[in-house]
Amino acid sequence: MRHISGLHVLMLCLVLGAAAPALIAQAQAKGTQVPVNHSPLFAPLPEPTIRTGVEAMTLAVMNVMTPPGEAAPSNEGTAP
């Protein structure tokens, strides 16, 4: 996390892989790049991208919000 210039507002940016493995392999074979999130060709896999993103953001917030001295939550036991 870092401070935004002069505002003292904490921010966090999570980046998830969202492309299908076959699309990545195809792009590598052609020597091209996979479309990124601001491209009109960006087409993330809904599953597992949404589940993984929700889980990552939830655990990040819960870790930040965990009171001192308490154990931070873990994702053990969640569905793959």
C-alpha atoms as a PDB file:
ATOM      1  CA  MET A   1       0.000   0.000   0.000  1.00  0.00           C
ATOM      2  CA  ARG A   2       1.113   3.559  -0.511  1.00  0.00           C
ATOM      3  CA  HIS A   3      -0.048   7.061   0.225  1.00  0.00           C
ATOM      4  CA  ILE A   4      -1.659   9.041  -2.584  1.00  0.00           C
ATOM      5  CA  SER A   5       0.293  12.273  -2.996  1.00  0.00           C
ATOM      6  CA  GLY A   6      -0.603  14.753  -0.279  1.00  0.00           C
ATOM      7  CA  LEU A   7      -3.911  13.123   0.669  1.00  0.00           C
ATOM      8  CA  HIS A   8      -2.692  10.439   3.068  1.00  0.00           C
ATOM      9  CA  VAL A   9      -5.234   7.997   1.644  1.00  0.00           C
ATOM     10  CA  LEU A  10      -4.145   4.381   1.589  1.00  0.00           C
ATOM     11  CA  MET A  11      -4.744   2.465  -1.609  1.00  0.00           C
ATOM     12  CA  LEU A  12      -4.244  -1.059  -2.760  1.00  0.00           C
ATOM     13  CA  CYS A  13      -4.383  -2.377  -6.307  1.00  0.00           C
ATOM     14  CA  LEU A  14      -4.899  -6.088  -6.838  1.00  0.00           C
ATOM     15  CA  VAL A  15      -4.076  -7.546 -10.225  1.00  0.00           C
ATOM     16  CA  LEU A  16      -5.526 -10.923 -11.181  1.00  0.00           C
ATOM     17  CA  GLY A  17      -4.786 -13.130 -14.108  1.00  0.00           C
ATOM     18  CA  ALA A  18      -8.076 -13.451 -15.977  1.00  0.00           C
ATOM     19  CA  ALA A  19      -7.267 -14.940 -19.379  1.00  0.00           C
ATOM     20  CA  ALA A  20      -7.894 -18.532 -20.364  1.00  0.00           C
ATOM     21  CA  PRO A  21      -4.699 -20.619 -20.442  1.00  0.00           C
ATOM     22  CA  ALA A  22      -5.483 -21.575 -24.065  1.00  0.00           C
ATOM     23  CA  LEU A  23      -5.660 -17.883 -25.024  1.00  0.00           C
ATOM     24  CA  ILE A  24      -2.290 -17.240 -23.385  1.00  0.00           C
ATOM     25  CA  ALA A  25      -0.728 -20.215 -25.204  1.00  0.00           C
ATOM     26  CA  GLN A  26      -2.214 -19.055 -28.514  1.00  0.00           C
ATOM     27  CA  ALA A  27      -0.845 -15.534 -28.037  1.00  0.00           C
ATOM     28  CA  GLN A  28       2.597 -16.885 -27.143  1.00  0.00           C
ATOM     29  CA  ALA A  29       2.609 -19.123 -30.226  1.00  0.00           C
ATOM     30  CA  LYS A  30       1.711 -16.151 -32.452  1.00  0.00           C
ATOM     31  CA  GLY A  31       4.112 -13.790 -30.676  1.00  0.00           C
ATOM     32  CA  THR A  32       1.253 -11.463 -29.707  1.00  0.00           C
ATOM     33  CA  GLN A  33      -0.067 -10.250 -26.378  1.00  0.00           C
ATOM     34  CA  VAL A  34      -3.275 -11.180 -24.579  1.00  0.00           C
ATOM     35  CA  PRO A  35      -5.729  -8.229 -24.532  1.00  0.00           C
ATOM     36  CA  VAL A  36      -5.552  -6.309 -21.250  1.00  0.00           C
ATOM     37  CA  ASN A  37      -8.425  -4.948 -19.168  1.00  0.00           C
ATOM     38  CA  HIS A  38      -8.757  -1.621 -21.042  1.00  0.00           C
ATOM     39  CA  SER A  39      -8.903  -3.305 -24.449  1.00  0.00           C
ATOM     40  CA  PRO A  40     -12.276  -3.832 -26.156  1.00  0.00           C
ATOM     41  CA  LEU A  41     -11.031  -7.387 -26.841  1.00  0.00           C
ATOM     42  CA  PHE A  42     -10.535  -8.165 -23.142  1.00  0.00           C
ATOM     43  CA  ALA A  43     -12.606 -11.250 -22.287  1.00  0.00           C
ATOM     44  CA  PRO A  44     -11.805 -12.641 -18.836  1.00  0.00           C
ATOM     45  CA  LEU A  45     -12.931 -16.081 -17.772  1.00  0.00           C
ATOM     46  CA  PRO A  46     -15.834 -15.421 -15.377  1.00  0.00           C
ATOM     47  CA  GLU A  47     -14.899 -18.518 -13.381  1.00  0.00           C
ATOM     48  CA  PRO A  48     -12.448 -18.621 -11.576  1.00  0.00           C
ATOM     49  CA  THR A  49     -11.706 -14.890 -12.045  1.00  0.00           C
ATOM     50  CA  ILE A  50     -14.693 -13.529 -10.104  1.00  0.00           C
ATOM     51  CA  ARG A  51     -14.417 -16.079  -7.287  1.00  0.00           C
ATOM     52  CA  THR A  52     -10.668 -15.535  -6.959  1.00  0.00           C
ATOM     53  CA  GLY A  53     -11.031 -11.751  -7.012  1.00  0.00           C
ATOM     54  CA  VAL A  54     -13.779 -11.738  -4.380  1.00  0.00           C
ATOM     55  CA  GLU A  55     -11.802 -14.101  -2.161  1.00  0.00           C
ATOM     56  CA  ALA A  56      -8.573 -12.086  -2.518  1.00  0.00           C
ATOM     57  CA  MET A  57     -10.277  -8.756  -1.800  1.00  0.00           C
ATOM     58  CA  THR A  58     -12.222 -10.206   1.149  1.00  0.00           C
ATOM     59  CA  LEU A  59      -9.102 -11.698   2.729  1.00  0.00           C
ATOM     60  CA  ALA A  60      -7.136  -8.483   2.148  1.00  0.00           C
ATOM     61  CA  VAL A  61      -9.783  -6.372   3.885  1.00  0.00           C
ATOM     62  CA  MET A  62     -10.212  -8.884   6.704  1.00  0.00           C
ATOM     63  CA  ASN A  63      -6.448  -8.897   7.294  1.00  0.00           C
ATOM     64  CA  VAL A  64      -6.348  -5.110   7.452  1.00  0.00           C
ATOM     65  CA  MET A  65      -9.416  -4.977   9.697  1.00  0.00           C
ATOM     66  CA  THR A  66      -8.308  -7.750  12.097  1.00  0.00           C
ATOM     67  CA  PRO A  67      -7.839  -6.265  15.570  1.00  0.00           C
ATOM     68  CA  PRO A  68      -4.301  -6.488  16.988  1.00  0.00           C
ATOM     69  CA  GLY A  69      -3.706  -9.772  18.800  1.00  0.00           C
ATOM     70  CA  GLU A  70      -6.359 -11.717  16.867  1.00  0.00           C
ATOM     71  CA  ALA A  71      -5.522 -14.305  14.228  1.00  0.00           C
ATOM     72  CA  ALA A  72      -5.990 -13.075  10.668  1.00  0.00           C
ATOM     73  CA  PRO A  73      -8.424 -15.137   8.571  1.00  0.00           C
ATOM     74  CA  SER A  74      -7.167 -17.642   6.027  1.00  0.00           C
ATOM     75  CA  ASN A  75      -8.572 -19.098   2.845  1.00  0.00           C
ATOM     76  CA  GLU A  76      -7.858 -22.682   3.901  1.00  0.00           C
ATOM     77  CA  GLY A  77     -10.810 -24.942   3.354  1.00  0.00           C
ATOM     78  CA  THR A  78     -12.361 -22.856   0.580  1.00  0.00           C
ATOM     79  CA  ALA A  79     -13.257 -24.383  -2.750  1.00  0.00           C
ATOM     80  CA  PRO A  80     -10.455 -24.451  -5.349  1.00  0.00           C
END
